[in-house]
Amino acid sequence: MLRLAVFTACLAALTAAASGARAVQSGEAEGGITKGFLFKSIKHGDETFRYVLYVPEAYDGSKPWPTILFLHGMGECGTDGIKQVGVGIGKAILEHVERWPFIVIIPQKPVPVQLWMHYEPELLEILAATRRDYRVDDSRLYLTGLSQGGFGTWGLAAKHPDLFAAIAPICGGGAASTAPALKEMPIWAFHGEADDTVSPKLSTDMVAAVKAAGGDATLTLYPGVGHNSWDKAYGESGLWEWLLKHTKNHQ
């Protein structure tokens, strides 16, 4: 309970600027199922890899649930296991919990200079652990991320195109050579037109490459918006509905 209290205090501090934020759930058990933002970790070799799992209030284990894997940016790297919740999708959930009827996996990348693809084994292990402990709908597994996590979203989806039903990369980019692997993947990408940290051309080029390969990709560019295009992207009222429109047929 002490750790949950510390988590709640830290998360509240991280999201204090979010107007209209709803109450922070902190892992309270109901009907034998612990819900809210939950501390989790896996051991990979000699390392502990931390993540937060968001379990919606309506989850009761009676049916499979759509699930999102979220990859954060460089600023949220570390080993505290908390910071990655305060930026991006965690903040969006706090502001509009009703828009996010998903189990949401929020891992924390330990080392800023390492790309997300370096941690591919840990991400897959976290997915496997979540599947073991919760009823994940494998036909509705989604991937999204911002900045470094946007690059990770393009890369992980291209490496595992049969895993995800749809992806939403934000202010990231990828290798155009991977576009054929993404041609069956519904993609909604986002970027700020005034981003001077990650050029919007990287998103433009990836979306164009996927379309040229025969794929279905859309790009939303926000005029006058810099690197932080994620607040607007995750604030899109139609994003969660768009995700749920897409399912993956696993044979």
C-alpha atoms as a PDB file:
ATOM      1  CA  MET A   1       0.000   0.000   0.000  1.00  0.00           C
ATOM      2  CA  LEU A   2       2.900   2.363   0.705  1.00  0.00           C
ATOM      3  CA  ARG A   3       4.274   1.883  -2.801  1.00  0.00           C
ATOM      4  CA  LEU A   4       0.838   2.531  -4.276  1.00  0.00           C
ATOM      5  CA  ALA A   5       0.573   5.725  -2.255  1.00  0.00           C
ATOM      6  CA  VAL A   6       3.987   6.873  -3.484  1.00  0.00           C
ATOM      7  CA  PHE A   7       2.984   6.045  -7.056  1.00  0.00           C
ATOM      8  CA  THR A   8      -0.235   8.012  -6.740  1.00  0.00           C
ATOM      9  CA  ALA A   9       1.614  11.035  -5.362  1.00  0.00           C
ATOM     10  CA  CYS A  10       4.264  10.922  -8.089  1.00  0.00           C
ATOM     11  CA  LEU A  11       1.734  10.419 -10.849  1.00  0.00           C
ATOM     12  CA  ALA A  12      -0.386  13.281  -9.544  1.00  0.00           C
ATOM     13  CA  ALA A  13       2.662  15.537  -9.570  1.00  0.00           C
ATOM     14  CA  LEU A  14       3.558  14.539 -13.114  1.00  0.00           C
ATOM     15  CA  THR A  15       0.062  15.265 -14.377  1.00  0.00           C
ATOM     16  CA  ALA A  16      -0.779  18.302 -12.236  1.00  0.00           C
ATOM     17  CA  ALA A  17      -0.883  20.486 -15.337  1.00  0.00           C
ATOM     18  CA  ALA A  18      -3.566  18.359 -16.951  1.00  0.00           C
ATOM     19  CA  SER A  19      -6.814  20.299 -16.631  1.00  0.00           C
ATOM     20  CA  GLY A  20      -9.914  18.286 -15.909  1.00  0.00           C
ATOM     21  CA  ALA A  21      -7.976  15.188 -14.888  1.00  0.00           C
ATOM     22  CA  ARG A  22     -10.079  12.454 -13.385  1.00  0.00           C
ATOM     23  CA  ALA A  23      -9.240  10.626 -10.168  1.00  0.00           C
ATOM     24  CA  VAL A  24      -6.073   8.569 -10.356  1.00  0.00           C
ATOM     25  CA  GLN A  25      -6.707   4.877  -9.902  1.00  0.00           C
ATOM     26  CA  SER A  26      -3.992   3.268  -7.848  1.00  0.00           C
ATOM     27  CA  GLY A  27      -4.356  -0.477  -8.037  1.00  0.00           C
ATOM     28  CA  GLU A  28      -7.365  -1.175  -5.852  1.00  0.00           C
ATOM     29  CA  ALA A  29      -8.727  -4.710  -5.910  1.00  0.00           C
ATOM     30  CA  GLU A  30     -12.366  -5.280  -6.800  1.00  0.00           C
ATOM     31  CA  GLY A  31     -13.849  -8.736  -7.129  1.00  0.00           C
ATOM     32  CA  GLY A  32     -10.387 -10.234  -6.787  1.00  0.00           C
ATOM     33  CA  ILE A  33      -9.007  -8.247  -9.759  1.00  0.00           C
ATOM     34  CA  THR A  34      -6.586  -5.394  -9.181  1.00  0.00           C
ATOM     35  CA  LYS A  35      -7.377  -2.413 -11.377  1.00  0.00           C
ATOM     36  CA  GLY A  36      -5.962   0.989 -12.221  1.00  0.00           C
ATOM     37  CA  PHE A  37      -2.301   1.823 -12.836  1.00  0.00           C
ATOM     38  CA  LEU A  38      -0.328  -1.157 -11.546  1.00  0.00           C
ATOM     39  CA  PHE A  39       3.400  -1.545 -10.903  1.00  0.00           C
ATOM     40  CA  LYS A  40       4.898  -4.465 -12.810  1.00  0.00           C
ATOM     41  CA  SER A  41       8.356  -5.734 -13.674  1.00  0.00           C
ATOM     42  CA  ILE A  42      10.066  -8.605 -15.437  1.00  0.00           C
ATOM     43  CA  LYS A  43      13.517 -10.056 -15.035  1.00  0.00           C
ATOM     44  CA  HIS A  44      15.492 -10.301 -18.248  1.00  0.00           C
ATOM     45  CA  GLY A  45      18.888 -11.798 -17.647  1.00  0.00           C
ATOM     46  CA  ASP A  46      20.321  -9.912 -14.695  1.00  0.00           C
ATOM     47  CA  GLU A  47      18.251  -6.812 -15.369  1.00  0.00           C
ATOM     48  CA  THR A  48      14.860  -5.735 -14.000  1.00  0.00           C
ATOM     49  CA  PHE A  49      12.666  -4.087 -16.621  1.00  0.00           C
ATOM     50  CA  ARG A  50       9.827  -2.010 -15.149  1.00  0.00           C
ATOM     51  CA  TYR A  51       6.466  -1.208 -16.625  1.00  0.00           C
ATOM     52  CA  VAL A  52       3.036   0.032 -15.616  1.00  0.00           C
ATOM     53  CA  LEU A  53      -0.119  -1.796 -16.590  1.00  0.00           C
ATOM     54  CA  TYR A  54      -3.393   0.085 -16.804  1.00  0.00           C
ATOM     55  CA  VAL A  55      -6.397  -2.159 -16.136  1.00  0.00           C
ATOM     56  CA  PRO A  56      -9.745  -0.409 -16.741  1.00  0.00           C
ATOM     57  CA  GLU A  57     -12.409  -0.346 -14.077  1.00  0.00           C
ATOM     58  CA  ALA A  58     -14.783  -2.329 -16.314  1.00  0.00           C
ATOM     59  CA  TYR A  59     -12.351  -5.219 -16.763  1.00  0.00           C
ATOM     60  CA  ASP A  60     -13.655  -8.342 -15.028  1.00  0.00           C
ATOM     61  CA  GLY A  61     -11.860 -11.141 -16.857  1.00  0.00           C
ATOM     62  CA  SER A  62     -15.022 -12.480 -18.437  1.00  0.00           C
ATOM     63  CA  LYS A  63     -14.002 -11.635 -22.011  1.00  0.00           C
ATOM     64  CA  PRO A  64     -10.875 -10.700 -23.996  1.00  0.00           C
ATOM     65  CA  TRP A  65      -9.961  -7.013 -23.902  1.00  0.00           C
ATOM     66  CA  PRO A  66      -8.372  -4.803 -26.563  1.00  0.00           C
ATOM     67  CA  THR A  67      -4.839  -3.948 -25.516  1.00  0.00           C
ATOM     68  CA  ILE A  68      -2.390  -1.145 -26.332  1.00  0.00           C
ATOM     69  CA  LEU A  69       1.392  -1.221 -26.063  1.00  0.00           C
ATOM     70  CA  PHE A  70       2.708   2.336 -25.585  1.00  0.00           C
ATOM     71  CA  LEU A  71       6.343   3.381 -26.111  1.00  0.00           C
ATOM     72  CA  HIS A  72       7.444   6.660 -24.511  1.00  0.00           C
ATOM     73  CA  GLY A  73      10.076   9.209 -25.544  1.00  0.00           C
ATOM     74  CA  MET A  74      13.636   9.930 -24.418  1.00  0.00           C
ATOM     75  CA  GLY A  75      12.621  12.207 -21.558  1.00  0.00           C
ATOM     76  CA  GLU A  76      10.792   9.433 -19.726  1.00  0.00           C
ATOM     77  CA  CYS A  77      13.651   6.912 -19.732  1.00  0.00           C
ATOM     78  CA  GLY A  78      14.879   5.567 -16.411  1.00  0.00           C
ATOM     79  CA  THR A  79      14.362   2.842 -13.848  1.00  0.00           C
ATOM     80  CA  ASP A  80      11.872   4.485 -11.463  1.00  0.00           C
ATOM     81  CA  GLY A  81       8.945   2.728 -13.181  1.00  0.00           C
ATOM     82  CA  ILE A  82       6.706   5.809 -12.901  1.00  0.00           C
ATOM     83  CA  LYS A  83       7.859   8.686 -15.083  1.00  0.00           C
ATOM     84  CA  GLN A  84       6.654   7.159 -18.355  1.00  0.00           C
ATOM     85  CA  VAL A  85       3.027   7.380 -17.220  1.00  0.00           C
ATOM     86  CA  GLY A  86       2.983  11.164 -16.932  1.00  0.00           C
ATOM     87  CA  VAL A  87       3.537  11.881 -20.638  1.00  0.00           C
ATOM     88  CA  GLY A  88       1.503  10.627 -23.572  1.00  0.00           C
ATOM     89  CA  ILE A  89      -1.138   7.976 -23.220  1.00  0.00           C
ATOM     90  CA  GLY A  90      -1.095   7.817 -19.411  1.00  0.00           C
ATOM     91  CA  LYS A  91      -1.925  11.512 -19.225  1.00  0.00           C
ATOM     92  CA  ALA A  92      -4.632  11.046 -21.870  1.00  0.00           C
ATOM     93  CA  ILE A  93      -6.236   8.271 -19.823  1.00  0.00           C
ATOM     94  CA  LEU A  94      -6.291  10.486 -16.736  1.00  0.00           C
ATOM     95  CA  GLU A  95      -7.958  13.287 -18.660  1.00  0.00           C
ATOM     96  CA  HIS A  96     -10.555  11.157 -20.477  1.00  0.00           C
ATOM     97  CA  VAL A  97     -10.701   7.686 -18.971  1.00  0.00           C
ATOM     98  CA  GLU A  98     -13.914   6.997 -20.899  1.00  0.00           C
ATOM     99  CA  ARG A  99     -12.024   7.205 -24.204  1.00  0.00           C
ATOM    100  CA  TRP A 100      -9.621   4.391 -23.376  1.00  0.00           C
ATOM    101  CA  PRO A 101     -11.444   1.068 -22.908  1.00  0.00           C
ATOM    102  CA  PHE A 102      -8.187  -0.860 -23.223  1.00  0.00           C
ATOM    103  CA  ILE A 103      -5.643  -2.682 -21.164  1.00  0.00           C
ATOM    104  CA  VAL A 104      -2.614  -0.434 -21.659  1.00  0.00           C
ATOM    105  CA  ILE A 105       0.990  -1.588 -21.273  1.00  0.00           C
ATOM    106  CA  ILE A 106       3.413   1.254 -20.484  1.00  0.00           C
ATOM    107  CA  PRO A 107       7.009  -0.003 -20.256  1.00  0.00           C
ATOM    108  CA  GLN A 108       9.940   2.206 -19.272  1.00  0.00           C
ATOM    109  CA  LYS A 109      13.056   2.174 -21.425  1.00  0.00           C
ATOM    110  CA  PRO A 110      16.048   2.315 -19.071  1.00  0.00           C
ATOM    111  CA  VAL A 111      18.758   3.908 -21.223  1.00  0.00           C
ATOM    112  CA  PRO A 112      18.056   7.081 -23.266  1.00  0.00           C
ATOM    113  CA  VAL A 113      20.675   6.383 -25.941  1.00  0.00           C
ATOM    114  CA  GLN A 114      19.390   2.883 -26.659  1.00  0.00           C
ATOM    115  CA  LEU A 115      16.614   2.634 -29.223  1.00  0.00           C
ATOM    116  CA  TRP A 116      13.413   0.780 -28.419  1.00  0.00           C
ATOM    117  CA  MET A 117      14.305  -2.013 -30.828  1.00  0.00           C
ATOM    118  CA  HIS A 118      17.233  -2.835 -28.558  1.00  0.00           C
ATOM    119  CA  TYR A 119      14.608  -3.857 -26.005  1.00  0.00           C
ATOM    120  CA  GLU A 120      12.503  -5.913 -28.392  1.00  0.00           C
ATOM    121  CA  PRO A 121      12.973  -9.134 -26.328  1.00  0.00           C
ATOM    122  CA  GLU A 122      11.808  -7.380 -23.149  1.00  0.00           C
ATOM    123  CA  LEU A 123       8.763  -5.903 -24.905  1.00  0.00           C
ATOM    124  CA  LEU A 124       7.732  -9.305 -26.224  1.00  0.00           C
ATOM    125  CA  GLU A 125       8.255 -10.796 -22.772  1.00  0.00           C
ATOM    126  CA  ILE A 126       6.028  -8.131 -21.225  1.00  0.00           C
ATOM    127  CA  LEU A 127       3.349  -8.901 -23.809  1.00  0.00           C
ATOM    128  CA  ALA A 128       3.609 -12.588 -22.962  1.00  0.00           C
ATOM    129  CA  ALA A 129       3.332 -11.870 -19.227  1.00  0.00           C
ATOM    130  CA  THR A 130       0.254  -9.702 -19.796  1.00  0.00           C
ATOM    131  CA  ARG A 131      -1.342 -12.451 -21.844  1.00  0.00           C
ATOM    132  CA  ARG A 132      -0.713 -14.940 -19.048  1.00  0.00           C
ATOM    133  CA  ASP A 133      -2.241 -12.755 -16.352  1.00  0.00           C
ATOM    134  CA  TYR A 134      -5.069 -11.013 -18.226  1.00  0.00           C
ATOM    135  CA  ARG A 135      -7.488 -11.799 -21.006  1.00  0.00           C
ATOM    136  CA  VAL A 136      -5.861  -9.964 -23.896  1.00  0.00           C
ATOM    137  CA  ASP A 137      -7.708  -9.935 -27.206  1.00  0.00           C
ATOM    138  CA  ASP A 138      -4.931 -10.931 -29.611  1.00  0.00           C
ATOM    139  CA  SER A 139      -7.033  -9.760 -32.551  1.00  0.00           C
ATOM    140  CA  ARG A 140      -7.145  -6.240 -31.071  1.00  0.00           C
ATOM    141  CA  LEU A 141      -3.575  -5.567 -30.018  1.00  0.00           C
ATOM    142  CA  TYR A 142      -2.413  -2.042 -30.895  1.00  0.00           C
ATOM    143  CA  LEU A 143       0.918  -0.218 -30.859  1.00  0.00           C
ATOM    144  CA  THR A 144       1.613   3.483 -30.386  1.00  0.00           C
ATOM    145  CA  GLY A 145       4.449   5.675 -29.200  1.00  0.00           C
ATOM    146  CA  LEU A 146       5.922   9.160 -29.284  1.00  0.00           C
ATOM    147  CA  SER A 147       9.309  10.509 -30.389  1.00  0.00           C
ATOM    148  CA  GLN A 148      11.763   7.660 -29.653  1.00  0.00           C
ATOM    149  CA  GLY A 149       8.631   5.602 -29.124  1.00  0.00           C
ATOM    150  CA  GLY A 150       7.356   6.757 -32.514  1.00  0.00           C
ATOM    151  CA  PHE A 151      10.486   5.337 -34.110  1.00  0.00           C
ATOM    152  CA  GLY A 152       9.987   2.215 -32.001  1.00  0.00           C
ATOM    153  CA  THR A 153       6.398   1.920 -33.198  1.00  0.00           C
ATOM    154  CA  TRP A 154       7.421   1.961 -36.867  1.00  0.00           C
ATOM    155  CA  GLY A 155      10.270  -0.473 -36.197  1.00  0.00           C
ATOM    156  CA  LEU A 156       8.471  -2.987 -33.993  1.00  0.00           C
ATOM    157  CA  ALA A 157       5.417  -3.084 -36.264  1.00  0.00           C
ATOM    158  CA  ALA A 158       7.602  -3.719 -39.320  1.00  0.00           C
ATOM    159  CA  LYS A 159       9.411  -6.507 -37.463  1.00  0.00           C
ATOM    160  CA  HIS A 160       6.145  -8.090 -36.262  1.00  0.00           C
ATOM    161  CA  PRO A 161       3.455  -7.146 -38.804  1.00  0.00           C
ATOM    162  CA  ASP A 162       1.278 -10.114 -37.812  1.00  0.00           C
ATOM    163  CA  LEU A 163       1.162  -9.039 -34.177  1.00  0.00           C
ATOM    164  CA  PHE A 164      -0.599  -5.680 -34.252  1.00  0.00           C
ATOM    165  CA  ALA A 165      -4.036  -4.807 -35.599  1.00  0.00           C
ATOM    166  CA  ALA A 166      -3.172  -1.108 -36.089  1.00  0.00           C
ATOM    167  CA  ILE A 167      -0.489   1.398 -35.109  1.00  0.00           C
ATOM    168  CA  ALA A 168      -0.356   5.111 -34.279  1.00  0.00           C
ATOM    169  CA  PRO A 169       3.239   6.466 -34.422  1.00  0.00           C
ATOM    170  CA  ILE A 170       3.707  10.043 -33.211  1.00  0.00           C
ATOM    171  CA  CYS A 171       6.585  12.373 -34.202  1.00  0.00           C
ATOM    172  CA  GLY A 172       8.788   9.458 -35.190  1.00  0.00           C
ATOM    173  CA  GLY A 173      10.107   7.883 -38.345  1.00  0.00           C
ATOM    174  CA  GLY A 174      11.385   4.683 -39.813  1.00  0.00           C
ATOM    175  CA  ALA A 175      13.179   3.043 -42.691  1.00  0.00           C
ATOM    176  CA  ALA A 176      11.352   3.288 -46.012  1.00  0.00           C
ATOM    177  CA  SER A 177      12.711  -0.167 -46.846  1.00  0.00           C
ATOM    178  CA  THR A 178      10.367  -1.626 -44.218  1.00  0.00           C
ATOM    179  CA  ALA A 179       7.247  -0.213 -45.894  1.00  0.00           C
ATOM    180  CA  PRO A 180       6.328  -3.469 -47.724  1.00  0.00           C
ATOM    181  CA  ALA A 181       6.120  -5.220 -44.338  1.00  0.00           C
ATOM    182  CA  LEU A 182       3.596  -2.581 -43.227  1.00  0.00           C
ATOM    183  CA  LYS A 183       1.336  -2.584 -46.264  1.00  0.00           C
ATOM    184  CA  GLU A 184      -1.369  -4.641 -44.513  1.00  0.00           C
ATOM    185  CA  MET A 185      -1.161  -2.535 -41.342  1.00  0.00           C
ATOM    186  CA  PRO A 186      -3.692   0.267 -40.731  1.00  0.00           C
ATOM    187  CA  ILE A 187      -1.593   3.293 -39.754  1.00  0.00           C
ATOM    188  CA  TRP A 188      -2.534   6.703 -38.414  1.00  0.00           C
ATOM    189  CA  ALA A 189       0.606   8.801 -37.923  1.00  0.00           C
ATOM    190  CA  PHE A 190       0.881  12.235 -36.294  1.00  0.00           C
ATOM    191  CA  HIS A 191       3.487  14.996 -36.380  1.00  0.00           C
ATOM    192  CA  GLY A 192       3.818  18.714 -35.664  1.00  0.00           C
ATOM    193  CA  GLU A 193       4.657  20.765 -38.745  1.00  0.00           C
ATOM    194  CA  ALA A 194       6.983  22.954 -36.663  1.00  0.00           C
ATOM    195  CA  ASP A 195       8.838  20.059 -35.025  1.00  0.00           C
ATOM    196  CA  ASP A 196      12.527  20.993 -34.942  1.00  0.00           C
ATOM    197  CA  THR A 197      13.546  17.909 -32.913  1.00  0.00           C
ATOM    198  CA  VAL A 198      12.274  15.190 -35.242  1.00  0.00           C
ATOM    199  CA  SER A 199      11.612  16.432 -38.768  1.00  0.00           C
ATOM    200  CA  PRO A 200       8.012  15.935 -39.922  1.00  0.00           C
ATOM    201  CA  LYS A 201       9.522  14.768 -43.207  1.00  0.00           C
ATOM    202  CA  LEU A 202      10.340  11.474 -41.480  1.00  0.00           C
ATOM    203  CA  SER A 203       6.640  10.800 -40.927  1.00  0.00           C
ATOM    204  CA  THR A 204       5.739  12.125 -44.373  1.00  0.00           C
ATOM    205  CA  ASP A 205       8.285   9.857 -46.032  1.00  0.00           C
ATOM    206  CA  MET A 206       7.180   6.750 -44.114  1.00  0.00           C
ATOM    207  CA  VAL A 207       3.512   7.289 -44.875  1.00  0.00           C
ATOM    208  CA  ALA A 208       4.331   7.882 -48.549  1.00  0.00           C
ATOM    209  CA  ALA A 209       6.454   4.715 -48.648  1.00  0.00           C
ATOM    210  CA  VAL A 210       3.666   2.617 -47.106  1.00  0.00           C
ATOM    211  CA  LYS A 211       1.156   4.010 -49.589  1.00  0.00           C
ATOM    212  CA  ALA A 212       3.546   3.326 -52.468  1.00  0.00           C
ATOM    213  CA  ALA A 213       3.786  -0.278 -51.248  1.00  0.00           C
ATOM    214  CA  GLY A 214      -0.006  -0.548 -51.463  1.00  0.00           C
ATOM    215  CA  GLY A 215      -0.723   0.100 -47.803  1.00  0.00           C
ATOM    216  CA  ASP A 216      -3.268   2.080 -45.809  1.00  0.00           C
ATOM    217  CA  ALA A 217      -1.573   4.958 -43.993  1.00  0.00           C
ATOM    218  CA  THR A 218      -2.802   8.394 -42.925  1.00  0.00           C
ATOM    219  CA  LEU A 219      -0.790  11.321 -41.590  1.00  0.00           C
ATOM    220  CA  THR A 220      -2.160  14.161 -39.496  1.00  0.00           C
ATOM    221  CA  LEU A 221       0.128  17.209 -39.469  1.00  0.00           C
ATOM    222  CA  TYR A 222      -0.567  19.878 -36.851  1.00  0.00           C
ATOM    223  CA  PRO A 223       0.180  23.410 -38.133  1.00  0.00           C
ATOM    224  CA  GLY A 224       2.363  25.471 -35.811  1.00  0.00           C
ATOM    225  CA  VAL A 225       2.949  22.546 -33.429  1.00  0.00           C
ATOM    226  CA  GLY A 226       6.481  21.629 -32.405  1.00  0.00           C
ATOM    227  CA  HIS A 227       7.812  18.382 -31.026  1.00  0.00           C
ATOM    228  CA  ASN A 228       4.969  17.862 -28.585  1.00  0.00           C
ATOM    229  CA  SER A 229       2.352  16.660 -31.014  1.00  0.00           C
ATOM    230  CA  TRP A 230       1.393  13.809 -28.673  1.00  0.00           C
ATOM    231  CA  ASP A 231      -0.965  15.859 -26.514  1.00  0.00           C
ATOM    232  CA  LYS A 232      -2.991  16.713 -29.602  1.00  0.00           C
ATOM    233  CA  ALA A 233      -2.730  13.197 -31.026  1.00  0.00           C
ATOM    234  CA  TYR A 234      -3.853  11.407 -27.872  1.00  0.00           C
ATOM    235  CA  GLY A 235      -6.435  14.132 -27.407  1.00  0.00           C
ATOM    236  CA  GLU A 236      -8.069  13.209 -30.716  1.00  0.00           C
ATOM    237  CA  SER A 237     -11.515  12.028 -29.687  1.00  0.00           C
ATOM    238  CA  GLY A 238     -11.664   9.647 -32.632  1.00  0.00           C
ATOM    239  CA  LEU A 239      -8.314   7.909 -32.099  1.00  0.00           C
ATOM    240  CA  TRP A 240      -9.503   5.201 -29.734  1.00  0.00           C
ATOM    241  CA  GLU A 241     -12.537   4.530 -31.925  1.00  0.00           C
ATOM    242  CA  TRP A 242     -10.275   4.261 -34.978  1.00  0.00           C
ATOM    243  CA  LEU A 243      -8.114   1.703 -33.202  1.00  0.00           C
ATOM    244  CA  LEU A 244     -11.105  -0.430 -32.253  1.00  0.00           C
ATOM    245  CA  LYS A 245     -12.295  -0.527 -35.861  1.00  0.00           C
ATOM    246  CA  HIS A 246      -9.316  -2.703 -36.731  1.00  0.00           C
ATOM    247  CA  THR A 247      -8.834  -6.357 -35.868  1.00  0.00           C
ATOM    248  CA  LYS A 248      -6.153  -8.872 -36.790  1.00  0.00           C
ATOM    249  CA  ASN A 249      -7.161 -12.312 -37.952  1.00  0.00           C
ATOM    250  CA  HIS A 250      -4.745 -14.709 -36.197  1.00  0.00           C
ATOM    251  CA  GLN A 251      -4.735 -18.157 -37.727  1.00  0.00           C
END
